[in-house]
Protein backbone atom coordinates (compact mmCIF):
# COMPACT_ATOMS: atom_id res chain seq x y z
CA MET A 1 118.32 -207.35 -223.22
CA ARG A 2 115.81 -209.80 -224.66
CA ILE A 3 115.67 -213.00 -222.61
CA LEU A 4 113.73 -216.16 -223.42
CA ILE A 5 113.28 -218.57 -220.51
CA TYR A 6 112.53 -222.10 -221.72
CA SER A 7 111.13 -224.02 -218.78
CA TYR A 8 108.73 -226.95 -218.57
CA ASN A 9 107.29 -225.54 -215.32
CA TYR A 10 106.17 -222.02 -214.36
CA TYR A 11 103.61 -220.18 -212.24
CA PRO A 12 101.00 -221.07 -210.93
CA GLU A 13 102.70 -224.40 -210.11
CA PRO A 14 103.60 -224.08 -206.40
CA ILE A 15 106.74 -226.20 -205.94
CA GLY A 16 109.85 -227.39 -207.74
CA ILE A 17 111.46 -225.28 -210.45
CA ALA A 18 108.31 -223.24 -211.21
CA PRO A 19 108.65 -220.66 -208.37
CA LEU A 20 112.34 -220.21 -209.18
CA MET A 21 111.74 -219.52 -212.87
CA THR A 22 108.86 -217.20 -212.02
CA GLU A 23 111.00 -215.16 -209.63
CA LEU A 24 113.86 -215.05 -212.15
CA ALA A 25 111.64 -213.89 -215.02
CA GLU A 26 109.88 -211.22 -212.97
CA GLY A 27 113.20 -210.10 -211.49
CA PHE A 28 114.62 -209.50 -214.98
CA VAL A 29 111.52 -207.51 -215.95
CA LYS A 30 111.95 -205.26 -212.91
CA ARG A 31 115.50 -204.56 -214.13
CA GLY A 32 114.22 -203.37 -217.49
CA HIS A 33 114.77 -206.47 -219.62
CA GLN A 34 112.23 -207.94 -222.03
CA VAL A 35 111.28 -211.45 -220.96
CA ARG A 36 109.14 -214.15 -222.46
CA VAL A 37 108.72 -217.66 -221.13
CA VAL A 38 107.99 -220.78 -223.16
CA THR A 39 106.41 -223.34 -220.86
CA GLY A 40 103.84 -226.13 -220.65
CA MET A 41 100.30 -226.03 -219.37
CA PRO A 42 100.36 -226.05 -215.53
CA ASN A 43 100.14 -229.62 -214.22
CA TYR A 44 102.61 -230.11 -211.36
CA PRO A 45 102.64 -231.78 -208.86
CA GLU A 46 99.32 -233.57 -209.47
CA ARG A 47 100.32 -234.42 -213.05
CA LYS A 48 97.02 -233.22 -214.43
CA ILE A 49 96.28 -230.01 -216.30
CA TYR A 50 94.84 -227.30 -214.05
CA ASP A 51 91.14 -226.76 -214.69
CA GLU A 52 91.44 -223.24 -216.11
CA TYR A 53 93.98 -224.47 -218.70
CA LYS A 54 92.22 -227.66 -219.82
CA GLY A 55 91.31 -228.06 -223.50
CA LYS A 56 93.85 -225.49 -224.69
CA PHE A 57 96.62 -226.28 -227.15
CA PHE A 58 98.31 -222.87 -226.99
CA LEU A 59 97.84 -219.94 -224.64
CA THR A 60 99.73 -216.67 -224.28
CA GLU A 61 99.24 -214.46 -221.23
CA GLU A 62 100.92 -211.46 -219.61
CA LEU A 63 101.86 -212.02 -215.96
CA ASN A 64 103.63 -209.24 -214.05
CA GLY A 65 105.31 -207.94 -217.19
CA VAL A 66 106.36 -211.38 -218.44
CA THR A 67 104.97 -212.80 -221.69
CA VAL A 68 104.13 -216.40 -220.80
CA GLN A 69 103.59 -218.69 -223.81
CA ARG A 70 102.08 -222.03 -222.86
CA SER A 71 101.76 -225.10 -225.06
CA TYR A 72 100.17 -228.54 -225.02
CA ILE A 73 101.67 -231.43 -223.07
CA TYR A 74 100.63 -235.07 -222.95
CA ILE A 75 99.76 -236.14 -219.42
CA LYS A 76 98.82 -239.62 -218.30
CA GLY A 77 98.54 -240.33 -214.60
CA SER A 78 100.30 -238.96 -211.54
CA LYS A 79 103.17 -241.44 -211.79
CA PRO A 80 104.07 -241.80 -215.47
CA GLY A 81 106.10 -244.79 -216.65
CA VAL A 82 109.11 -244.45 -218.91
CA LEU A 83 107.03 -244.48 -222.11
CA ASP A 84 104.53 -241.98 -220.68
CA ARG A 85 107.40 -239.73 -219.67
CA LEU A 86 108.90 -239.87 -223.16
CA LEU A 87 105.50 -239.01 -224.66
CA LEU A 88 105.14 -236.15 -222.18
CA ASP A 89 108.56 -234.71 -223.01
CA GLY A 90 108.07 -235.38 -226.72
CA SER A 91 104.77 -233.51 -226.79
CA PHE A 92 106.40 -230.49 -225.19
CA ILE A 93 109.32 -230.58 -227.65
CA VAL A 94 106.95 -230.35 -230.60
CA SER A 95 104.36 -227.94 -229.21
CA SER A 96 106.82 -225.58 -227.51
CA LEU A 97 108.72 -224.96 -230.74
CA TRP A 98 105.64 -223.23 -232.15
CA GLN A 99 105.57 -220.85 -229.21
CA ALA A 100 109.33 -220.27 -229.41
CA PHE A 101 108.99 -219.10 -233.01
CA ASN A 102 105.85 -217.13 -232.15
CA GLY A 103 107.59 -214.06 -230.75
CA TRP A 104 110.57 -211.76 -230.91
CA LYS A 105 114.07 -213.21 -231.32
CA PRO A 106 115.93 -213.27 -228.00
CA ASP A 107 119.52 -212.32 -227.30
CA VAL A 108 119.82 -215.13 -224.77
CA ILE A 109 117.87 -218.36 -224.24
CA PHE A 110 117.94 -219.65 -220.68
CA ALA A 111 116.83 -223.30 -220.62
CA THR A 112 116.42 -225.32 -217.46
CA THR A 113 116.72 -229.12 -217.32
CA PRO A 114 115.42 -231.71 -216.60
CA PRO A 115 113.77 -232.75 -218.77
CA ILE A 116 116.94 -233.11 -220.79
CA LEU A 117 115.00 -233.47 -224.06
CA ILE A 118 114.10 -229.79 -223.75
CA SER A 119 117.62 -229.10 -225.02
CA LEU A 120 116.62 -230.34 -228.50
CA PRO A 121 114.10 -227.61 -229.39
CA VAL A 122 116.21 -225.07 -227.51
CA SER A 123 119.33 -225.85 -229.58
CA PHE A 124 117.29 -225.81 -232.81
CA TYR A 125 115.63 -222.50 -232.04
CA GLY A 126 118.91 -221.01 -230.78
CA LEU A 127 120.57 -221.88 -234.10
CA PHE A 128 117.69 -220.43 -236.11
CA SER A 129 117.46 -217.20 -234.11
CA ASN A 130 121.23 -216.84 -233.67
CA SER A 131 120.69 -216.64 -229.92
CA SER A 132 123.15 -217.72 -227.25
CA VAL A 133 121.96 -220.65 -225.14
CA VAL A 134 122.62 -220.93 -221.40
CA LEU A 135 121.77 -224.41 -220.14
CA ASN A 136 120.76 -224.54 -216.48
CA ILE A 137 121.20 -228.00 -214.95
CA GLN A 138 119.08 -228.81 -211.92
CA ASP A 139 119.78 -232.55 -212.14
CA ILE A 140 121.63 -234.97 -214.43
CA VAL A 141 118.85 -237.14 -215.79
CA SER A 142 120.88 -240.17 -216.87
CA GLU A 143 122.33 -240.60 -213.38
CA ALA A 144 119.23 -239.67 -211.39
CA ALA A 145 117.04 -242.20 -213.21
CA VAL A 146 119.48 -245.01 -212.41
CA ARG A 147 119.91 -244.01 -208.76
CA VAL A 148 116.19 -244.08 -207.99
CA GLY A 149 115.79 -247.41 -209.78
CA LEU A 150 113.65 -246.11 -212.64
CA VAL A 151 115.91 -247.71 -215.25
CA LYS A 152 118.99 -249.91 -215.35
CA LYS A 153 122.43 -248.41 -215.89
CA ASP A 154 123.03 -250.24 -219.17
CA SER A 155 119.55 -249.60 -220.63
CA TRP A 156 119.02 -247.99 -224.03
CA ILE A 157 117.15 -245.14 -222.37
CA VAL A 158 120.21 -244.20 -220.30
CA ARG A 159 122.43 -244.34 -223.39
CA ILE A 160 120.05 -242.03 -225.27
CA ALA A 161 119.88 -239.65 -222.30
CA GLN A 162 123.67 -239.54 -222.10
CA ALA A 163 123.94 -238.83 -225.83
CA VAL A 164 121.40 -235.99 -225.59
CA GLU A 165 123.19 -234.58 -222.54
CA LYS A 166 126.53 -234.51 -224.37
CA LEU A 167 124.93 -232.79 -227.35
CA ALA A 168 123.26 -230.24 -225.08
CA TYR A 169 126.54 -229.47 -223.32
CA LEU A 170 128.26 -229.02 -226.67
CA LYS A 171 125.67 -226.61 -228.06
CA ALA A 172 125.37 -224.36 -225.01
CA ALA A 173 127.40 -221.16 -224.80
CA LYS A 174 127.57 -221.62 -221.03
CA ILE A 175 126.30 -224.20 -218.56
CA SER A 176 125.04 -223.01 -215.18
CA VAL A 177 124.82 -225.47 -212.29
CA ILE A 178 123.31 -225.10 -208.83
CA ALA A 179 126.12 -226.64 -206.76
CA GLU A 180 129.89 -227.10 -207.01
CA ASP A 181 129.51 -230.88 -206.98
CA PHE A 182 127.89 -230.64 -210.41
CA VAL A 183 131.04 -228.95 -211.73
CA THR A 184 133.19 -231.89 -210.68
CA ASN A 185 130.79 -234.36 -212.26
CA LEU A 186 130.57 -232.52 -215.58
CA VAL A 187 134.33 -231.97 -215.83
CA GLU A 188 134.74 -235.74 -215.41
CA GLN A 189 132.37 -236.11 -218.36
CA GLY A 190 134.66 -233.95 -220.50
CA VAL A 191 133.01 -230.53 -220.18
CA SER A 192 135.56 -227.71 -220.12
CA PRO A 193 135.62 -225.91 -216.73
CA ASP A 194 135.61 -222.49 -218.41
CA ARG A 195 132.16 -223.23 -219.84
CA LEU A 196 130.73 -223.92 -216.37
CA VAL A 197 129.44 -221.44 -213.82
CA CYS A 198 127.94 -222.24 -210.42
CA ILE A 199 124.95 -220.11 -209.43
CA PRO A 200 122.96 -221.59 -206.51
CA ASN A 201 119.18 -221.66 -206.55
CA TRP A 202 117.68 -218.72 -204.76
CA VAL A 203 114.94 -217.58 -202.43
CA ASP A 204 112.97 -214.35 -202.35
CA LEU A 205 114.08 -213.38 -198.84
CA ASN A 206 111.41 -210.69 -198.57
CA PHE A 207 108.70 -213.25 -199.32
CA ILE A 208 110.08 -216.25 -197.40
CA ARG A 209 110.99 -214.91 -193.97
CA PRO A 210 110.50 -215.76 -190.28
CA LEU A 211 106.93 -215.04 -189.17
CA ASN A 212 104.89 -215.60 -186.03
CA LYS A 213 104.54 -219.32 -185.35
CA ASN A 214 101.02 -219.04 -183.95
CA ASN A 215 99.25 -218.17 -187.16
CA GLN A 216 96.20 -219.08 -189.24
CA PHE A 217 97.75 -222.33 -190.54
CA ARG A 218 98.03 -223.66 -186.99
CA GLU A 219 94.53 -222.51 -186.12
CA GLU A 220 92.97 -224.13 -189.20
CA HIS A 221 94.51 -227.51 -188.38
CA ASN A 222 94.25 -227.43 -184.55
CA LEU A 223 98.01 -227.25 -184.05
CA GLN A 224 98.12 -224.33 -181.58
CA ASP A 225 99.70 -226.28 -178.72
CA LYS A 226 101.69 -228.73 -180.81
CA PHE A 227 105.38 -229.14 -181.62
CA VAL A 228 104.98 -229.25 -185.40
CA VAL A 229 107.32 -231.22 -187.69
CA VAL A 230 106.64 -230.42 -191.36
CA TYR A 231 107.47 -232.06 -194.67
CA SER A 232 106.09 -230.25 -197.71
CA GLY A 233 106.71 -231.08 -201.34
CA ASN A 234 106.99 -233.87 -203.81
CA ILE A 235 106.28 -237.37 -202.53
CA ALA A 236 108.26 -239.30 -205.14
CA LEU A 237 110.87 -241.96 -205.74
CA THR A 238 113.67 -239.79 -204.38
CA GLN A 239 111.92 -239.41 -201.02
CA GLY A 240 111.49 -242.09 -198.38
CA LEU A 241 108.55 -240.84 -196.37
CA GLU A 242 107.88 -244.23 -194.83
CA THR A 243 110.90 -243.32 -192.69
CA VAL A 244 109.00 -240.27 -191.41
CA VAL A 245 105.92 -242.35 -190.60
CA LYS A 246 108.01 -244.85 -188.62
CA ALA A 247 109.73 -242.00 -186.75
CA ALA A 248 106.33 -240.54 -185.90
CA VAL A 249 105.18 -243.89 -184.50
CA SER A 250 108.23 -244.11 -182.25
CA LEU A 251 107.39 -240.66 -180.83
CA LYS A 252 103.67 -241.27 -180.21
CA GLU A 253 104.12 -241.11 -176.43
CA LYS A 254 105.08 -237.43 -176.87
CA SER A 255 101.54 -236.26 -177.57
CA GLU A 256 102.66 -232.67 -178.19
CA ILE A 257 104.68 -233.70 -181.26
CA CYS A 258 102.68 -233.71 -184.47
CA PHE A 259 103.94 -234.56 -187.96
CA VAL A 260 102.44 -232.69 -190.92
CA ILE A 261 103.06 -233.92 -194.46
CA LEU A 262 101.84 -231.82 -197.38
CA GLY A 263 101.76 -233.25 -200.89
CA GLU A 264 99.61 -234.00 -203.91
CA GLU A 265 96.41 -235.99 -203.56
CA LYS A 266 97.25 -239.42 -204.99
CA ALA A 267 100.57 -239.58 -203.19
CA ARG A 268 98.83 -238.63 -199.93
CA GLN A 269 96.38 -241.48 -200.41
CA GLN A 270 99.24 -243.96 -200.71
CA LEU A 271 100.94 -242.44 -197.67
CA LYS A 272 97.70 -242.74 -195.70
CA GLU A 273 97.80 -246.50 -196.27
CA CYS A 274 101.29 -246.47 -194.78
CA CYS A 275 100.06 -244.43 -191.77
CA ASP A 276 97.18 -246.84 -191.26
CA LYS A 277 99.54 -249.82 -191.45
CA TYR A 278 101.77 -248.45 -188.67
CA GLN A 279 98.89 -246.77 -186.76
CA ALA A 280 100.59 -243.38 -187.05
CA ASP A 281 97.71 -241.25 -185.80
CA ASN A 282 100.08 -238.38 -185.02
CA VAL A 283 100.66 -237.76 -188.74
CA LEU A 284 98.45 -235.17 -190.45
CA LEU A 285 98.24 -235.39 -194.25
CA LEU A 286 97.34 -232.15 -196.03
CA PRO A 287 97.28 -230.76 -199.59
CA LEU A 288 100.02 -228.41 -200.70
CA VAL A 289 99.29 -224.79 -199.82
CA PRO A 290 99.06 -222.12 -202.54
CA ARG A 291 102.25 -220.19 -203.19
CA GLU A 292 100.98 -217.07 -201.40
CA LYS A 293 100.43 -219.06 -198.17
CA LEU A 294 103.84 -220.76 -198.20
CA PRO A 295 105.55 -218.35 -195.75
CA GLU A 296 102.76 -218.85 -193.21
CA MET A 297 102.93 -222.65 -193.49
CA LEU A 298 106.71 -222.67 -193.12
CA SER A 299 106.57 -220.42 -190.07
CA ALA A 300 103.95 -222.62 -188.44
CA ALA A 301 106.57 -225.37 -188.22
CA ASP A 302 108.97 -225.96 -185.36
CA ILE A 303 111.10 -228.18 -187.62
CA GLY A 304 111.30 -228.55 -191.38
CA LEU A 305 112.17 -231.99 -192.76
CA VAL A 306 114.35 -232.83 -195.75
CA ILE A 307 114.06 -236.51 -196.59
CA GLN A 308 116.01 -238.47 -199.20
CA LYS A 309 116.77 -242.11 -199.89
CA LYS A 310 120.31 -243.49 -199.75
CA THR A 311 120.43 -243.78 -203.54
CA VAL A 312 119.52 -240.19 -204.39
CA THR A 313 121.86 -238.19 -206.63
CA ALA A 314 124.51 -236.97 -204.21
CA PHE A 315 125.29 -233.69 -205.98
CA ASN A 316 121.68 -232.49 -206.16
CA LEU A 317 120.47 -229.79 -203.75
CA PRO A 318 116.79 -230.07 -202.78
CA SER A 319 115.14 -226.69 -203.38
CA LYS A 320 113.38 -226.94 -200.01
CA ILE A 321 116.70 -226.54 -198.13
CA PRO A 322 117.21 -222.83 -198.99
CA VAL A 323 113.49 -222.21 -198.45
CA ILE A 324 113.39 -223.73 -194.96
CA LEU A 325 116.59 -221.94 -193.97
CA ALA A 326 115.13 -218.64 -195.18
CA SER A 327 112.00 -219.21 -193.08
CA GLY A 328 114.11 -219.24 -189.93
CA ARG A 329 113.17 -222.77 -188.97
CA PRO A 330 115.74 -225.51 -188.23
CA ILE A 331 116.14 -228.46 -190.58
CA VAL A 332 116.36 -232.12 -189.75
CA ALA A 333 117.87 -233.62 -192.89
CA SER A 334 117.77 -237.35 -193.51
CA VAL A 335 120.20 -237.33 -196.45
CA PRO A 336 123.22 -239.26 -197.80
CA ASP A 337 126.54 -238.66 -196.03
CA THR A 338 128.20 -237.28 -199.16
CA GLY A 339 127.11 -234.60 -201.58
CA THR A 340 125.51 -231.19 -201.67
CA ALA A 341 122.57 -231.57 -199.26
CA ILE A 342 124.67 -232.62 -196.26
CA ARG A 343 127.30 -230.00 -197.05
CA VAL A 344 124.83 -227.10 -197.22
CA VAL A 345 122.91 -228.09 -194.08
CA SER A 346 126.17 -228.57 -192.16
CA GLU A 347 127.75 -225.32 -193.41
CA SER A 348 124.62 -223.33 -192.66
CA GLY A 349 124.60 -224.29 -189.00
CA GLY A 350 120.84 -224.39 -189.42
CA GLY A 351 120.08 -228.04 -188.91
CA ILE A 352 120.88 -231.59 -187.91
CA VAL A 353 121.84 -234.33 -190.37
CA VAL A 354 120.94 -237.99 -189.83
CA THR A 355 121.43 -241.19 -191.81
CA PRO A 356 118.84 -241.61 -194.58
CA GLU A 357 116.15 -244.29 -194.20
CA ASP A 358 116.93 -244.56 -190.46
CA SER A 359 113.68 -243.80 -188.65
CA GLN A 360 115.22 -244.13 -185.19
CA ALA A 361 117.95 -241.59 -185.95
CA LEU A 362 115.33 -239.24 -187.36
CA ALA A 363 113.15 -239.60 -184.26
CA GLU A 364 116.12 -238.99 -181.93
CA ALA A 365 117.08 -235.78 -183.77
CA ILE A 366 113.50 -234.47 -183.56
CA LEU A 367 113.30 -235.36 -179.88
CA GLU A 368 116.60 -233.59 -179.19
CA LEU A 369 115.25 -230.33 -180.61
CA TYR A 370 111.88 -230.79 -178.90
CA GLU A 371 113.66 -231.02 -175.55
CA ASN A 372 116.07 -228.13 -176.27
CA PRO A 373 114.11 -225.00 -177.29
CA GLU A 374 117.23 -222.82 -177.07
CA LYS A 375 119.03 -224.97 -179.62
CA LEU A 376 115.92 -224.94 -181.79
CA GLU A 377 115.94 -221.15 -181.78
CA GLN A 378 119.69 -220.95 -182.39
CA LEU A 379 119.58 -223.26 -185.42
CA GLY A 380 116.72 -221.26 -186.93
CA GLN A 381 118.59 -217.98 -186.58
CA GLN A 382 121.79 -219.41 -188.02
CA GLY A 383 119.90 -220.88 -190.95
CA ARG A 384 118.25 -217.57 -191.78
CA LYS A 385 121.59 -215.77 -191.65
CA TYR A 386 123.14 -218.34 -193.99
CA ALA A 387 120.22 -217.98 -196.43
CA GLU A 388 120.64 -214.19 -196.45
CA GLU A 389 124.35 -214.56 -197.25
CA ASN A 390 124.08 -217.30 -199.86
CA PHE A 391 120.60 -217.69 -201.36
CA GLY A 392 119.25 -214.20 -201.97
CA SER A 393 117.42 -213.79 -205.29
CA LYS A 394 119.25 -210.49 -205.80
CA ASN A 395 122.57 -212.34 -205.84
CA ALA A 396 121.26 -214.82 -208.42
CA LEU A 397 119.87 -212.04 -210.62
CA ASN A 398 123.19 -210.19 -210.47
CA SER A 399 125.08 -213.35 -211.41
CA TYR A 400 122.83 -214.27 -214.33
CA GLU A 401 122.70 -210.70 -215.61
CA ALA A 402 126.51 -210.55 -215.54
CA LEU A 403 126.75 -213.96 -217.24
CA PHE A 404 124.36 -212.99 -220.04
CA THR A 405 126.17 -209.68 -220.57
CA GLU A 406 129.53 -211.47 -220.74
CA ILE A 407 128.21 -213.91 -223.34
CA LEU A 408 126.76 -211.15 -225.51
CA ASN A 409 129.97 -209.08 -225.26
CA LEU A 410 132.08 -212.07 -226.33
CA LYS A 411 129.68 -212.73 -229.19
CA GLU A 412 129.88 -209.10 -230.34
CA GLU A 413 133.67 -209.18 -230.08
CA GLY A 414 133.69 -212.32 -232.24
CA ARG A 415 131.52 -210.57 -234.84
CA ARG A 416 133.87 -207.61 -234.96
CA LYS A 417 136.92 -209.83 -235.40
CA LYS A 418 135.21 -211.79 -238.15
CA LYS A 419 134.18 -208.59 -239.92
CA LYS A 420 137.70 -207.17 -239.59
CA GLY A 421 139.22 -210.35 -240.99
CA LYS A 422 136.84 -210.33 -243.94
CA ARG A 423 137.71 -206.73 -244.68
CA LYS A 424 141.41 -207.56 -244.70
CA GLU A 425 140.79 -210.39 -247.14
CA GLU A 426 138.94 -208.04 -249.46
CA GLU A 427 141.72 -205.45 -249.25
CA GLY A 428 144.38 -208.10 -249.86
């Protein structure tokens, strides 16, 4: 099978959708499929082109059997405004089309959103190449932008996003979502249930696994005798890390407890101002670790944090939840009381859920686990077991392979029926 993955992010970007698409592409190659990836120049999460890719408009490289075709993107600043974001997405729409046409015609195009505008070149190329399009929805842009306060509900940008979303849903052969709550939302928008399939995001369970807590990460940062609470990832509008800083301040008398927050440079600088304001000297701010050191960093933690604001999209599942569960470390999740995040953490038995933006509740949950090492261990083990049963990359590969095969079989059956009908017309 020839598979084209159309994704704005890919390796070597360390967080977000990039690791997932990389694992999916390389997994398909190992199963004997031909895979090429159309993607942008690496820039996430710092929102600046990586040094080794600067000054390039197009670049094609072979990585672990995958043909990776990169194209130019417009980047301006670490926190782009609405116009900058449109220019960023628009640049990728135009430049990526060249790379899409610059290669063999795929049987299936797997496109991941957001950004939703990626569906425009995908639909165009799918029509030209007669390829079936599977749209993978990680978030519903029109709703997410309103919830985090980026735009108003009745703005022209939201109306355009909704129109593009409807067009994308219409043109896709199938729509894959990462949680059942997405299915409910899309059905309410008029999408037929038989065009929807739920395939959760995955984790490479051989790569992300429980390791010795006393490792090099702890040694490098003088954390050997500390109870380490870690948040790693995007420091953006959907997070409320001031809540973590306030929780840390309330636990300062417990000198063994140390908070470690890993994120991109500019966001760390802003968070440092917050730490200075509250005199949170028990918070350590660090850069994101490279992908290959992620298992070690996760295992160095006693607790992994998942932090969201009250207004975050309720049906979205933060990718860090499966990852922390797979690492065998308990989660303290400060998330809304409805939606996917609270459901998964609760079902897993691998964590504690507290009210979002409530620093006191967050501090109390951390203190409870600090004072109960047996419960800490139990939650970690339960979380790992749940990850093995629900988030294995092998399960995701099996599901997508079966989905693509089903689509191609239905397409071939349609061709045969059409050919048979034409023959009857000629005979008649």
